[in-house]
């Protein structure tokens, strides 16, 4: 939104844009933190089957979501009629697609590392943007600012991954430091 606004907007619009940008950054930070912790958990308990690992990861998530819903929307959580009010086929399709995406993401995370997962998500956003521009059914115009901003995210995550690999390789190749007792 902020890359597409050509200046001259009201201070309310600029504040809303900055707030939206802040929320996006918060989402990225939380997502990366959760991915790193999930990655560590999946690797630590690699001897467990995937369904057991997923249930251990999703149970606390469900409990916390339910507690937050009880705090912020107690009337909605109190009855199934209130909770599912207004749901249609599209809503169910979104719920199922997010559930499938989450399970597939965790399955990939068990095989890959969290950095590779985040690179995949960043590249997916770029691919979706290119498809929206190139496919006539979407009718979206190409905007260089948006494309460059998305490309910068992909390049930043990729650069971090390569730097991390180089750092890990240099640590592994470095000789172990001598202990004080060995020097005497």
Protein backbone atom coordinates (compact mmCIF):
# COMPACT_ATOMS: atom_id res chain seq x y z
CA UNK A 1 0.00 0.00 0.00
CA UNK A 2 2.73 2.46 0.88
CA UNK A 3 4.65 1.77 -2.34
CA UNK A 4 1.54 2.42 -4.41
CA UNK A 5 0.55 5.70 -2.76
CA UNK A 6 2.06 8.50 -4.79
CA UNK A 7 2.30 10.97 -1.93
CA UNK A 8 -0.05 13.83 -1.26
CA UNK A 9 -2.30 11.64 0.90
CA UNK A 10 -3.85 12.73 4.13
CA UNK A 11 -2.10 12.12 7.41
CA UNK A 12 -4.79 9.54 8.31
CA UNK A 13 -4.00 7.54 5.16
CA UNK A 14 -0.27 7.74 5.85
CA UNK A 15 -0.80 6.64 9.46
CA UNK A 16 -3.00 3.76 8.29
CA UNK A 17 -0.33 2.76 5.76
CA UNK A 18 2.39 2.83 8.39
CA UNK A 19 0.18 0.82 10.78
CA UNK A 20 -0.48 -1.75 8.04
CA UNK A 21 3.23 -1.95 7.27
CA UNK A 22 3.97 -2.44 10.97
CA UNK A 23 1.43 -5.27 11.16
CA UNK A 24 2.99 -6.94 8.13
CA UNK A 25 6.43 -6.70 9.73
CA UNK A 26 5.04 -8.11 12.98
CA UNK A 27 3.49 -10.99 11.04
CA UNK A 28 6.83 -11.74 9.36
CA UNK A 29 8.69 -11.65 12.68
CA UNK A 30 6.17 -13.90 14.43
CA UNK A 31 6.06 -16.25 11.44
CA UNK A 32 9.85 -16.58 11.33
CA UNK A 33 10.07 -17.08 15.11
CA UNK A 34 7.34 -19.73 15.01
CA UNK A 35 8.99 -21.44 12.03
CA UNK A 36 12.36 -21.60 13.79
CA UNK A 37 10.77 -23.03 16.95
CA UNK A 38 8.70 -25.52 14.94
CA UNK A 39 11.80 -26.50 12.98
CA UNK A 40 13.73 -27.10 16.21
CA UNK A 41 10.88 -29.13 17.67
CA UNK A 42 10.41 -31.22 14.54
CA UNK A 43 14.14 -31.96 14.34
CA UNK A 44 14.50 -32.64 18.08
CA UNK A 45 11.76 -35.27 18.08
CA UNK A 46 12.49 -36.69 14.64
CA UNK A 47 11.90 -40.24 15.88
CA UNK A 48 8.18 -39.50 16.38
CA UNK A 49 5.82 -39.94 13.43
CA UNK A 50 4.69 -36.75 11.72
CA UNK A 51 1.08 -36.99 12.93
CA UNK A 52 2.27 -37.14 16.56
CA UNK A 53 4.54 -34.14 16.06
CA UNK A 54 1.76 -32.17 14.37
CA UNK A 55 -0.68 -32.93 17.16
CA UNK A 56 1.88 -31.73 19.73
CA UNK A 57 2.38 -28.50 17.78
CA UNK A 58 -1.30 -27.84 17.02
CA UNK A 59 -2.79 -28.64 20.44
CA UNK A 60 -1.20 -25.62 22.23
CA UNK A 61 -2.08 -23.47 19.21
CA UNK A 62 -5.73 -24.53 19.44
CA UNK A 63 -5.86 -24.01 23.22
CA UNK A 64 -4.35 -20.53 22.96
CA UNK A 65 -6.69 -19.57 20.11
CA UNK A 66 -9.67 -20.77 22.14
CA UNK A 67 -8.54 -18.83 25.24
CA UNK A 68 -8.07 -15.65 23.21
CA UNK A 69 -11.49 -16.12 21.62
CA UNK A 70 -13.02 -16.55 25.09
CA UNK A 71 -11.38 -13.32 26.22
CA UNK A 72 -12.19 -11.15 23.19
CA UNK A 73 -15.43 -12.71 21.83
CA UNK A 74 -17.06 -14.79 24.59
CA UNK A 75 -20.53 -14.59 23.00
CA UNK A 76 -19.28 -16.07 19.71
CA UNK A 77 -17.53 -19.00 21.37
CA UNK A 78 -20.51 -19.78 23.59
CA UNK A 79 -22.59 -21.49 20.89
CA UNK A 80 -21.93 -23.20 17.57
CA UNK A 81 -24.77 -21.23 15.95
CA UNK A 82 -23.11 -17.94 16.84
CA UNK A 83 -19.64 -19.16 15.86
CA UNK A 84 -20.65 -20.49 12.45
CA UNK A 85 -23.14 -17.69 11.67
CA UNK A 86 -22.52 -16.35 8.17
CA UNK A 87 -20.25 -19.20 7.08
CA UNK A 88 -20.77 -20.30 3.48
CA UNK A 89 -19.00 -22.59 1.04
CA UNK A 90 -16.26 -19.99 0.43
CA UNK A 91 -15.56 -19.75 4.15
CA UNK A 92 -15.24 -23.50 4.46
CA UNK A 93 -12.99 -23.56 1.40
CA UNK A 94 -10.66 -21.01 3.00
CA UNK A 95 -10.60 -22.96 6.28
CA UNK A 96 -9.78 -26.22 4.51
CA UNK A 97 -7.12 -24.56 2.32
CA UNK A 98 -5.41 -23.02 5.35
CA UNK A 99 -5.51 -26.36 7.19
CA UNK A 100 -3.98 -28.15 4.21
CA UNK A 101 -1.38 -25.39 3.77
CA UNK A 102 -0.42 -25.61 7.44
CA UNK A 103 -0.02 -29.39 7.39
CA UNK A 104 1.98 -29.23 4.14
CA UNK A 105 4.14 -26.45 5.55
CA UNK A 106 4.92 -28.46 8.67
CA UNK A 107 5.64 -31.53 6.55
CA UNK A 108 8.09 -29.50 4.46
CA UNK A 109 9.55 -27.99 7.61
CA UNK A 110 10.28 -31.49 8.91
CA UNK A 111 12.31 -32.12 5.75
CA UNK A 112 13.74 -28.65 5.14
CA UNK A 113 14.81 -25.93 7.54
CA UNK A 114 12.88 -22.83 8.55
CA UNK A 115 14.93 -20.52 6.31
CA UNK A 116 14.13 -22.60 3.21
CA UNK A 117 10.45 -22.49 4.18
CA UNK A 118 10.51 -18.70 4.45
CA UNK A 119 12.31 -18.41 1.11
CA UNK A 120 9.58 -20.59 -0.39
CA UNK A 121 6.85 -18.37 1.04
CA UNK A 122 8.58 -15.21 -0.22
CA UNK A 123 9.03 -16.68 -3.70
CA UNK A 124 5.39 -17.84 -3.66
CA UNK A 125 4.24 -14.24 -3.08
CA UNK A 126 6.39 -13.10 -6.01
CA UNK A 127 5.03 -15.88 -8.25
CA UNK A 128 1.44 -14.99 -7.31
CA UNK A 129 2.10 -11.34 -8.18
CA UNK A 130 3.59 -12.28 -11.57
CA UNK A 131 0.61 -14.55 -12.27
CA UNK A 132 -1.81 -11.73 -11.38
CA UNK A 133 -0.04 -9.44 -13.85
CA UNK A 134 0.34 -11.96 -16.68
CA UNK A 135 -3.03 -13.75 -16.53
CA UNK A 136 -5.79 -11.78 -18.25
CA UNK A 137 -8.46 -12.96 -15.79
CA UNK A 138 -6.94 -10.82 -13.01
CA UNK A 139 -6.42 -7.60 -14.96
CA UNK A 140 -3.75 -6.29 -12.61
CA UNK A 141 -1.23 -3.80 -13.98
CA UNK A 142 2.49 -4.34 -13.42
CA UNK A 143 3.92 -1.90 -10.90
CA UNK A 144 7.68 -1.72 -10.62
CA UNK A 145 7.61 -0.48 -7.00
CA UNK A 146 5.61 -3.52 -5.85
CA UNK A 147 7.77 -5.94 -7.83
CA UNK A 148 11.00 -4.44 -6.47
CA UNK A 149 9.69 -4.52 -2.88
CA UNK A 150 8.77 -8.21 -3.21
CA UNK A 151 12.09 -9.01 -4.87
CA UNK A 152 13.98 -7.31 -2.04
CA UNK A 153 12.24 -9.56 0.49
CA UNK A 154 13.18 -12.67 -1.50
CA UNK A 155 16.80 -11.52 -1.92
CA UNK A 156 17.12 -10.60 1.77
CA UNK A 157 15.93 -14.00 2.96
CA UNK A 158 18.11 -15.78 0.38
CA UNK A 159 21.17 -13.74 1.34
CA UNK A 160 20.58 -14.56 5.00
CA UNK A 161 20.41 -18.26 4.18
CA UNK A 162 23.67 -18.19 2.22
CA UNK A 163 25.45 -16.16 4.89
CA UNK A 164 24.23 -18.57 7.57
CA UNK A 165 25.53 -21.54 5.56
CA UNK A 166 28.91 -19.83 5.09
CA UNK A 167 29.12 -19.00 8.80
CA UNK A 168 28.27 -22.57 9.78
CA UNK A 169 30.84 -23.93 7.32
CA UNK A 170 33.57 -21.59 8.62
CA UNK A 171 32.79 -22.55 12.23
CA UNK A 172 33.03 -26.24 11.33
CA UNK A 173 36.35 -25.72 9.51
CA UNK A 174 37.94 -23.60 12.26
CA UNK A 175 40.24 -25.46 14.65
CA UNK A 176 38.94 -25.90 18.17
CA UNK A 177 40.41 -23.40 20.65
CA UNK A 178 42.97 -24.79 23.04
CA UNK A 179 42.08 -25.03 26.69
CA UNK A 180 44.22 -23.29 29.28
CA UNK A 181 45.34 -26.66 30.71
CA UNK A 182 46.53 -27.80 27.25
CA UNK A 183 48.75 -24.73 26.79
CA UNK A 184 50.76 -25.28 29.98
